[in-house]
Protein backbone atom coordinates (compact mmCIF):
# COMPACT_ATOMS: atom_id res chain seq x y z
CA MET A 1 -17.47 1.52 -10.00
CA ASN A 2 -15.52 3.24 -7.19
CA ARG A 3 -12.24 2.59 -9.06
CA ILE A 4 -13.66 4.25 -12.22
CA LYS A 5 -14.85 7.21 -10.15
CA ILE A 6 -11.43 7.62 -8.52
CA ILE A 7 -9.66 7.44 -11.89
CA PHE A 8 -12.03 10.03 -13.35
CA THR A 9 -11.53 12.31 -10.31
CA GLY A 10 -7.73 12.13 -10.63
CA ILE A 11 -7.78 12.82 -14.41
CA LEU A 12 -10.26 15.67 -13.89
CA MET A 13 -8.05 17.32 -11.25
CA LEU A 14 -5.00 17.13 -13.50
CA SER A 15 -7.00 18.39 -16.50
CA MET A 16 -8.57 21.32 -14.66
CA LEU A 17 -5.26 22.50 -13.23
CA THR A 18 -3.58 22.24 -16.65
CA GLN A 19 -6.37 24.26 -18.31
CA TYR A 20 -6.29 26.85 -15.55
CA ALA A 21 -2.52 27.26 -15.82
CA GLN A 22 -2.76 27.69 -19.60
CA LYS A 23 -5.58 30.21 -19.33
CA GLU A 24 -3.81 32.36 -16.72
CA ARG A 25 -0.40 31.87 -18.36
CA VAL A 26 1.22 31.56 -14.93
CA LYS A 27 2.89 28.59 -13.25
CA ILE A 28 0.91 27.45 -10.23
CA ASP A 29 1.81 24.76 -7.69
CA GLY A 30 1.97 21.65 -9.88
CA ILE A 31 0.60 18.19 -9.14
CA ALA A 32 3.44 15.70 -8.82
CA ALA A 33 1.17 12.68 -8.44
CA VAL A 34 -2.31 11.42 -7.66
CA VAL A 35 -2.90 8.49 -5.28
CA GLY A 36 -6.54 7.49 -5.15
CA ASN A 37 -8.39 10.67 -4.22
CA HIS A 38 -5.28 12.33 -2.76
CA ILE A 39 -2.87 14.57 -4.64
CA VAL A 40 0.84 15.20 -4.04
CA LEU A 41 1.85 18.77 -4.84
CA ASN A 42 5.33 19.84 -5.96
CA SER A 43 5.42 22.17 -2.96
CA GLU A 44 5.06 19.17 -0.61
CA ILE A 45 8.39 17.84 -1.91
CA ASP A 46 10.08 21.13 -1.04
CA GLN A 47 8.36 21.26 2.36
CA LEU A 48 9.48 17.73 3.26
CA LYS A 49 13.07 18.62 2.36
CA ILE A 50 12.95 21.64 4.68
CA GLN A 51 11.40 19.60 7.51
CA MET A 52 14.07 16.89 7.22
CA LYS A 53 16.85 19.47 7.33
CA GLN A 54 15.26 21.14 10.38
CA GLN A 55 15.22 17.72 12.10
CA GLY A 56 18.94 17.33 11.41
CA LEU A 57 18.44 14.45 8.96
CA ASP A 58 20.93 13.83 6.15
CA THR A 59 19.31 14.83 2.84
CA LYS A 60 22.43 14.66 0.63
CA ASN A 61 21.41 11.32 -0.89
CA LEU A 62 17.72 12.19 -1.20
CA ASP A 63 16.74 13.59 -4.59
CA ASP A 64 13.22 14.73 -5.52
CA CYS A 65 12.35 11.24 -6.79
CA LYS A 66 13.11 9.60 -3.42
CA ILE A 67 11.27 12.32 -1.53
CA LEU A 68 8.28 11.94 -3.86
CA GLU A 69 8.24 8.19 -3.15
CA ARG A 70 8.05 8.88 0.59
CA LEU A 71 5.06 11.14 -0.03
CA LEU A 72 3.44 8.51 -2.28
CA GLN A 73 3.90 5.96 0.50
CA ASN A 74 2.27 8.28 3.04
CA LYS A 75 -0.74 8.88 0.78
CA LEU A 76 -1.23 5.15 0.15
CA LEU A 77 -0.84 4.37 3.86
CA LEU A 78 -3.49 7.01 4.57
CA LEU A 79 -5.85 5.55 1.96
CA GLU A 80 -5.56 2.05 3.42
CA ALA A 81 -5.74 3.28 7.02
CA LYS A 82 -9.12 4.88 6.29
CA LYS A 83 -10.37 1.49 5.05
CA ASP A 84 -9.10 -0.36 8.15
CA THR A 85 -11.79 -0.37 10.83
CA LEU A 86 -9.24 -1.24 13.54
CA ILE A 87 -7.19 1.93 12.93
CA LYS A 88 -8.77 4.95 14.56
CA VAL A 89 -7.67 8.39 15.69
CA THR A 90 -10.18 10.16 17.93
CA ASP A 91 -11.03 13.86 17.73
CA LYS A 92 -9.76 14.21 21.30
CA GLU A 93 -6.36 12.81 20.31
CA VAL A 94 -6.17 15.20 17.36
CA GLU A 95 -7.19 18.14 19.53
CA SER A 96 -4.48 17.26 22.06
CA MET A 97 -1.82 16.96 19.31
CA VAL A 98 -2.81 20.30 17.76
CA ASN A 99 -2.84 22.13 21.11
CA GLN A 100 0.58 20.76 22.06
CA GLN A 101 1.94 21.70 18.62
CA ILE A 102 0.65 25.27 18.93
CA ASP A 103 1.88 25.60 22.52
CA TYR A 104 5.33 24.39 21.46
CA MET A 105 5.42 26.92 18.61
CA LYS A 106 4.31 29.68 20.99
CA THR A 107 7.15 28.80 23.35
CA GLN A 108 9.62 28.93 20.45
CA MET A 109 8.28 32.34 19.40
CA GLY A 110 8.32 34.11 22.73
CA GLY A 111 4.77 33.22 23.73
CA SER A 112 3.15 35.17 20.88
CA ILE A 113 0.20 33.53 19.12
CA GLU A 114 0.33 36.35 16.54
CA LYS A 115 3.82 35.23 15.49
CA VAL A 116 2.62 31.61 15.24
CA LEU A 117 -0.26 32.67 12.97
CA GLU A 118 2.15 34.71 10.86
CA PHE A 119 4.53 31.73 10.60
CA TYR A 120 1.70 29.50 9.29
CA ASN A 121 0.25 32.35 7.18
CA LYS A 122 -3.14 32.13 8.91
CA LYS A 123 -5.45 34.95 10.00
CA THR A 124 -7.18 33.30 12.96
CA LEU A 125 -6.44 30.59 15.52
CA THR A 126 -9.60 28.74 14.41
CA GLU A 127 -8.32 28.63 10.83
CA LEU A 128 -4.91 27.37 11.99
CA LYS A 129 -6.41 24.67 14.22
CA ALA A 130 -8.64 23.45 11.39
CA GLU A 131 -5.69 22.98 9.03
CA LEU A 132 -3.42 21.41 11.67
CA SER A 133 -6.21 19.04 12.75
CA LYS A 134 -6.52 17.64 9.23
CA LEU A 135 -2.75 17.36 8.77
CA ASP A 136 -2.11 15.80 12.19
CA LYS A 137 -4.97 13.30 11.86
CA ASN A 138 -3.77 12.16 8.42
CA LYS A 139 -0.18 11.92 9.65
CA LYS A 140 -1.23 9.85 12.67
CA LEU A 141 -3.35 7.50 10.54
CA SER A 142 -0.42 6.93 8.16
CA GLU A 143 1.92 6.24 11.09
CA LEU A 144 -0.49 3.72 12.64
CA MET A 145 -0.88 1.92 9.30
CA ARG A 146 2.91 1.76 8.88
CA GLN A 147 3.34 0.42 12.42
CA LYS A 148 0.73 -2.26 11.80
CA ILE A 149 2.54 -3.46 8.66
CA ILE A 150 6.02 -3.70 10.21
CA LYS A 151 5.24 -4.35 13.90
CA ASP A 152 6.29 -8.03 13.80
CA VAL A 153 9.42 -7.55 11.68
CA ASP A 154 12.66 -8.59 13.40
CA VAL A 155 16.13 -9.78 12.35
CA SER A 156 18.16 -12.75 13.55
CA PRO A 157 21.94 -12.60 14.15
CA GLU A 158 22.35 -14.63 10.94
CA GLU A 159 20.41 -12.03 8.96
CA VAL A 160 22.53 -9.24 10.44
CA LYS A 161 25.71 -11.09 9.37
CA THR A 162 24.30 -11.67 5.87
CA PHE A 163 23.43 -7.98 5.60
CA TYR A 164 26.95 -6.97 6.63
CA ASP A 165 28.69 -9.50 4.35
CA ALA A 166 26.67 -8.23 1.39
CA ILE A 167 28.26 -4.78 1.64
CA PRO A 168 31.16 -4.56 -0.88
CA LYS A 169 34.47 -4.10 0.91
CA ASP A 170 35.11 -0.80 -0.83
CA LYS A 171 31.60 0.41 0.10
CA VAL A 172 31.72 -0.25 3.86
CA PRO A 173 30.46 3.04 5.30
CA GLU A 174 32.19 5.20 7.84
CA ILE A 175 30.63 5.52 11.27
CA GLY A 176 30.85 9.08 12.55
CA THR A 177 32.16 9.89 16.01
CA GLN A 178 29.99 8.39 18.71
CA VAL A 179 29.86 9.17 22.41
CA GLU A 180 28.33 7.58 25.47
CA LEU A 181 27.28 10.27 27.93
CA MET A 182 26.41 10.23 31.62
CA GLN A 183 24.90 13.04 33.63
CA ILE A 184 24.15 14.07 37.20
CA VAL A 185 21.40 16.65 37.68
CA ILE A 186 20.80 18.61 40.86
CA LYS A 187 17.65 20.70 41.18
CA PRO A 188 17.53 23.43 43.83
CA LYS A 189 14.95 22.65 46.52
CA PRO A 190 12.44 25.23 47.76
CA ASP A 191 12.02 26.10 51.44
CA LYS A 192 9.15 24.44 53.32
CA GLU A 193 7.49 27.84 53.63
CA ALA A 194 7.55 28.33 49.84
CA GLU A 195 6.09 24.86 49.28
CA GLN A 196 3.34 25.44 51.84
CA LYS A 197 2.46 28.74 50.18
CA VAL A 198 1.88 26.92 46.87
CA ILE A 199 -0.10 24.11 48.54
CA ASP A 200 -2.35 26.65 50.28
CA LYS A 201 -2.96 28.51 47.01
CA LEU A 202 -3.88 25.27 45.19
CA LYS A 203 -6.28 24.34 48.01
CA GLU A 204 -7.87 27.78 47.69
CA ILE A 205 -8.32 27.27 43.91
CA LYS A 206 -9.76 23.76 44.51
CA LYS A 207 -12.33 25.26 46.89
CA LYS A 208 -13.27 27.94 44.33
CA VAL A 209 -13.80 25.31 41.62
CA GLU A 210 -15.91 23.15 43.94
CA ASN A 211 -18.03 26.25 44.61
CA GLY A 212 -18.66 26.79 40.88
CA ALA A 213 -15.60 28.57 39.46
CA SER A 214 -14.28 27.41 36.08
CA PHE A 215 -11.24 25.12 36.40
CA ARG A 216 -10.25 26.12 32.86
CA ALA A 217 -10.22 29.83 33.75
CA GLN A 218 -8.22 29.18 36.93
CA ALA A 219 -5.65 27.20 34.91
CA VAL A 220 -5.25 30.04 32.41
CA LEU A 221 -4.72 32.47 35.29
CA TYR A 222 -2.45 30.45 37.57
CA SER A 223 -0.91 27.37 35.92
CA GLU A 224 2.85 27.45 35.28
CA ASP A 225 2.78 24.60 32.75
CA PRO A 226 3.69 26.22 29.40
CA GLY A 227 2.49 23.14 27.52
CA SER A 228 -1.14 23.40 28.62
CA ARG A 229 -1.79 26.78 30.24
CA ALA A 230 -3.14 28.41 27.04
CA ASN A 231 -5.84 25.75 26.65
CA GLY A 232 -6.85 25.72 30.30
CA GLY A 233 -4.56 22.94 31.51
CA LYS A 234 -6.14 20.34 29.23
CA TYR A 235 -4.57 16.98 28.33
CA VAL A 236 -5.95 13.74 26.87
CA ILE A 237 -4.18 10.77 28.49
CA ASN A 238 -4.30 7.01 28.91
CA ARG A 239 -2.27 4.74 31.17
CA LYS A 240 0.51 4.46 28.56
CA SER A 241 0.84 8.21 27.98
CA ALA A 242 4.24 9.78 28.61
CA PHE A 243 3.31 11.50 31.87
CA VAL A 244 5.02 11.00 35.22
CA GLN A 245 3.44 8.25 37.30
CA GLU A 246 2.13 10.57 40.04
CA PHE A 247 0.17 12.51 37.41
CA LYS A 248 -1.37 9.35 35.93
CA ASP A 249 -2.15 7.98 39.41
CA ALA A 250 -4.10 11.15 40.20
CA ALA A 251 -5.90 11.17 36.83
CA PHE A 252 -7.09 7.56 37.14
CA SER A 253 -8.07 7.74 40.82
CA LEU A 254 -10.77 10.39 40.34
CA GLU A 255 -14.36 10.25 39.15
CA LYS A 256 -15.61 12.66 36.52
CA GLY A 257 -15.89 16.19 37.95
CA GLN A 258 -13.76 15.52 41.04
CA VAL A 259 -10.82 17.78 41.88
CA SER A 260 -7.74 16.20 43.44
CA GLU A 261 -5.92 17.33 46.53
CA PRO A 262 -2.57 19.04 45.77
CA PHE A 263 0.05 16.45 44.78
CA LYS A 264 3.73 16.69 44.00
CA THR A 265 5.74 15.64 40.93
CA GLN A 266 9.26 16.44 39.76
CA PHE A 267 7.82 19.56 38.07
CA GLY A 268 6.11 21.09 41.12
CA TRP A 269 2.69 20.89 42.80
CA HIS A 270 -0.57 20.17 40.95
CA ILE A 271 -4.29 19.90 41.31
CA LEU A 272 -6.19 17.95 38.66
CA THR A 273 -9.76 17.36 37.57
CA VAL A 274 -11.25 14.75 35.24
CA GLU A 275 -13.45 16.37 32.59
CA GLU A 276 -14.38 13.30 30.51
CA ILE A 277 -13.93 9.52 30.64
CA ASN A 278 -13.87 7.83 27.22
CA GLY A 279 -13.04 4.15 27.65
CA GLN A 280 -9.32 3.94 28.43
CA GLU A 281 -8.83 7.67 27.82
CA ARG A 282 -9.39 10.56 30.18
CA VAL A 283 -9.68 14.24 29.37
CA VAL A 284 -8.13 16.06 32.31
CA ARG A 285 -7.23 19.60 33.28
CA HIS A 286 -4.51 20.46 35.75
CA ILE A 287 -2.89 23.46 37.37
CA LEU A 288 0.85 23.38 38.04
CA MET A 289 2.44 25.75 40.53
CA VAL A 290 6.16 25.83 41.24
CA PRO A 291 7.41 26.96 44.67
CA GLU A 292 9.78 29.92 44.51
CA ILE A 293 13.44 29.01 45.03
CA ASN A 294 15.61 31.66 46.61
CA PHE A 295 19.22 32.50 45.79
CA LEU A 296 20.62 30.68 48.83
CA ASN A 297 18.94 27.41 47.83
CA ARG A 298 20.20 27.74 44.25
CA ARG A 299 23.71 28.41 45.51
CA ALA A 300 23.48 25.38 47.84
CA ALA A 301 22.51 23.12 44.91
CA GLN A 302 25.40 24.39 42.79
CA LYS A 303 27.82 23.89 45.69
CA GLN A 304 26.51 20.35 46.27
CA LEU A 305 27.21 19.45 42.64
CA ASP A 306 30.68 21.03 42.84
CA THR A 307 31.42 18.77 45.81
CA ILE A 308 30.08 15.66 44.01
CA ARG A 309 32.25 16.47 40.98
CA LYS A 310 35.35 16.86 43.15
CA ARG A 311 34.68 13.54 44.92
CA ILE A 312 34.40 11.79 41.53
CA LEU A 313 37.64 13.38 40.28
CA ASP A 314 39.38 12.38 43.54
CA LYS A 315 38.11 8.80 42.96
CA GLU A 316 36.23 8.74 46.27
CA ILE A 317 33.10 7.72 44.37
CA THR A 318 32.31 6.62 40.82
CA PHE A 319 30.19 8.74 38.50
CA GLU A 320 27.64 5.91 38.24
CA SER A 321 27.16 5.48 41.99
CA ALA A 322 27.01 9.27 42.46
CA ALA A 323 24.28 9.50 39.80
CA ARG A 324 22.25 6.74 41.45
CA GLU A 325 22.60 8.35 44.89
CA PHE A 326 22.35 12.08 44.21
CA SER A 327 20.87 12.84 40.76
CA ASP A 328 17.43 14.44 40.61
CA ASP A 329 16.78 13.29 37.02
CA GLU A 330 14.62 10.19 37.51
CA GLU A 331 15.17 8.79 34.02
CA THR A 332 18.99 8.73 34.04
CA LYS A 333 19.24 8.08 37.79
CA LYS A 334 18.02 4.52 37.13
CA THR A 335 20.79 3.92 34.56
CA GLY A 336 23.58 5.29 36.74
CA GLY A 337 23.49 8.57 34.83
CA LYS A 338 23.69 7.02 31.35
CA ILE A 339 21.74 8.86 28.63
CA ILE A 340 19.84 6.39 26.42
CA ASN A 341 18.55 7.03 22.90
CA PRO A 342 14.77 6.42 23.32
CA ASN A 343 14.39 5.41 19.66
CA THR A 344 17.03 2.68 19.64
CA GLY A 345 17.55 1.85 23.32
CA ASP A 346 21.30 2.28 22.69
CA SER A 347 23.66 4.39 24.81
CA MET A 348 26.04 5.22 21.95
CA LEU A 349 24.96 8.54 20.44
CA ASP A 350 26.06 10.06 17.13
CA LEU A 351 27.93 13.25 17.94
CA THR A 352 26.42 15.12 14.99
CA MET A 353 22.87 14.24 16.05
CA LEU A 354 23.13 15.69 19.56
CA ASP A 355 21.19 18.77 20.61
CA PRO A 356 23.31 21.80 19.49
CA LYS A 357 23.93 22.97 23.08
CA LEU A 358 25.00 19.48 24.19
CA HIS A 359 27.12 19.06 21.05
CA GLN A 360 28.98 22.27 21.84
CA ILE A 361 29.76 21.03 25.35
CA VAL A 362 31.04 17.53 24.48
CA GLN A 363 32.57 17.93 21.01
CA ASP A 364 36.08 18.60 22.40
CA MET A 365 35.82 16.35 25.47
CA ASN A 366 37.84 13.13 25.62
CA GLN A 367 36.80 9.79 27.05
CA GLY A 368 36.67 10.10 30.85
CA ASP A 369 36.39 13.91 30.87
CA ILE A 370 33.83 15.53 33.15
CA SER A 371 32.40 18.95 32.36
CA GLU A 372 32.31 21.90 34.72
CA VAL A 373 29.00 22.51 36.49
CA LEU A 374 26.49 23.63 33.83
CA THR A 375 23.42 25.79 34.44
CA GLU A 376 20.22 25.03 32.54
CA LYS A 377 16.50 25.70 32.89
CA ASP A 378 13.74 23.12 33.15
CA ARG A 379 10.39 23.34 31.36
CA THR A 380 8.96 25.59 34.08
CA GLY A 381 11.86 28.05 33.80
CA ASN A 382 13.59 27.10 37.04
CA GLU A 383 17.37 26.68 37.13
CA LEU A 384 18.97 23.28 37.49
CA TYR A 385 22.61 22.22 37.54
CA LYS A 386 24.29 19.30 35.84
CA ILE A 387 27.63 17.75 35.02
CA ILE A 388 28.28 15.62 31.93
CA MET A 389 30.82 12.82 31.60
CA VAL A 390 31.99 11.27 28.31
CA SER A 391 32.17 7.64 29.45
CA LYS A 392 33.04 6.37 25.94
CA ARG A 393 34.18 8.08 22.77
CA VAL A 394 34.57 6.16 19.50
CA PRO A 395 36.20 8.25 16.75
CA THR A 396 35.11 8.14 13.10
CA HIS A 397 36.00 4.73 11.64
CA LYS A 398 35.07 2.14 9.04
CA MET A 399 32.07 0.13 10.21
CA ASP A 400 33.21 -2.99 12.09
CA PHE A 401 30.91 -5.99 12.61
CA VAL A 402 31.90 -6.59 16.25
CA LYS A 403 32.33 -3.00 17.46
CA ASP A 404 29.30 -1.63 15.64
CA TYR A 405 26.94 -4.61 15.91
CA PRO A 406 24.01 -2.62 17.44
CA LYS A 407 24.16 -0.07 14.62
CA ILE A 408 24.52 -2.78 11.94
CA LYS A 409 21.55 -4.64 13.43
CA GLU A 410 19.54 -1.41 13.32
CA MET A 411 20.49 -0.91 9.65
CA ALA A 412 19.61 -4.53 8.78
CA LEU A 413 16.28 -4.23 10.57
CA GLU A 414 15.44 -1.00 8.75
CA GLN A 415 16.29 -2.63 5.41
CA LYS A 416 14.05 -5.61 6.19
CA LYS A 417 11.20 -3.33 7.29
CA GLU A 418 11.58 -1.35 4.07
CA LYS A 419 11.36 -4.57 2.00
CA VAL A 420 8.19 -5.62 3.85
CA LEU A 421 6.75 -2.15 3.30
CA VAL A 422 7.64 -2.16 -0.42
CA LYS A 423 5.98 -5.58 -0.86
CA TRP A 424 2.86 -4.30 0.89
CA MET A 425 2.92 -1.17 -1.30
CA ASN A 426 3.16 -3.23 -4.51
CA ASP A 427 0.17 -5.33 -3.44
CA LYS A 428 -1.95 -2.27 -2.68
CA ILE A 429 -0.87 -0.26 -5.75
CA LYS A 430 -2.69 -2.82 -7.92
CA ASN A 431 -6.01 -1.89 -6.30
CA ASN A 432 -5.66 1.91 -6.29
CA TYR A 433 -5.50 4.60 -8.96
CA ILE A 434 -1.95 6.00 -9.23
CA LYS A 435 -0.93 8.77 -11.63
CA ILE A 436 2.64 10.15 -11.79
CA SER A 437 3.25 13.53 -13.45
CA PRO A 438 5.37 13.42 -16.66
CA GLU A 439 7.87 15.60 -14.77
CA PHE A 440 8.73 12.53 -12.65
CA ALA A 441 8.32 9.89 -15.35
CA GLN A 442 12.05 9.07 -15.34
CA CYS A 443 12.21 8.41 -11.59
CA LYS A 444 13.37 4.97 -10.47
CA PHE A 445 11.10 3.98 -7.59
CA GLU A 446 11.41 1.08 -5.15
CA SER A 447 7.71 0.25 -5.62
CA HIS A 448 5.79 -0.11 -8.90
CA TRP A 449 4.18 3.34 -8.82
CA LYS A 450 4.37 3.63 -12.62
């Protein structure tokens, strides 16, 4: 009965839109496909293209048919995720994602919420949050369903070799220029007086809150965390969340309603309160304050890095040992300065996929070159100094099984995951209503959508 209802709903939507378009004699946003009770609009295909280009992804080999199939997959994943009682996304998680998304957009647009609303073509923040909440929740559900399907997929060395041998000799792809980068970061340190001033201010705020003042209001007034200040310092976290350990330690050491003593992280000094405890999750608010760093301290940090660079060039010390001993970047300090791709765990990075600023710095550097001292700003707006070394540089070349094994393994794994996903899709397509617009009737899909 449900299947008949879904089929009727899909046909009715297509019929109504067709009649409306004929009556008005104007072309409206067409329906590319219907998956269960979800529709795929033509405009979604164009939007996905734009998003992929903005993310620096190669779209040359992606025509509208392939992009439509991705959207069909997402809709089917969403349908099945909603049926799976083990896949859940809480309202708190969605709220946190939406707030972070809006805060990021505000940062990109000079801190103006009006510009963000204009960008999304919305009149009010409430209207924007409502739309983003639905989109973000659906996206997260689809991602969780996908992860569940492919989480146990792996490839053996034999499968990697089979994958490579199956590539025709005249079709072996070129691997673009790759670099392995190392960095040493020095952050200027504040004076003890400046640190104490911040600690005293945070203690004063803590006392106010304990006497009845709103922590949220105090965060809006005083916090220097651009990612949470607008929503009163609020975050939803669990023990696996990507927060520094000191922050998580504070969050999970407090009872509901308690306010922490000031504590230090690599970003500055904080106080934190726990607003809600929901199983393994905690809703917290925090206030970040960053001690002022004077010109002399900034100059001292720059001079320190100049000296480190000279010692490396004079071969008194290696770049790796200098990074482990002196660098203030905790993540790369552990790897001897080596920058690791978090998605692959590999240190070889595609030159074209680097951040534009980093690409500009290293594109003309040779293997072994060390940059001059560079000035950047951290997330709180404070200056930091770094040097970059190109520890390896592999020029564009035909893919080689030995030299490029990690990349070939990654490609083989992705192909195997895609096959598992396609098989799953074909099984689920049989049990769901699918309707493809005549406009896309000639498309050759991986799955049996037609």
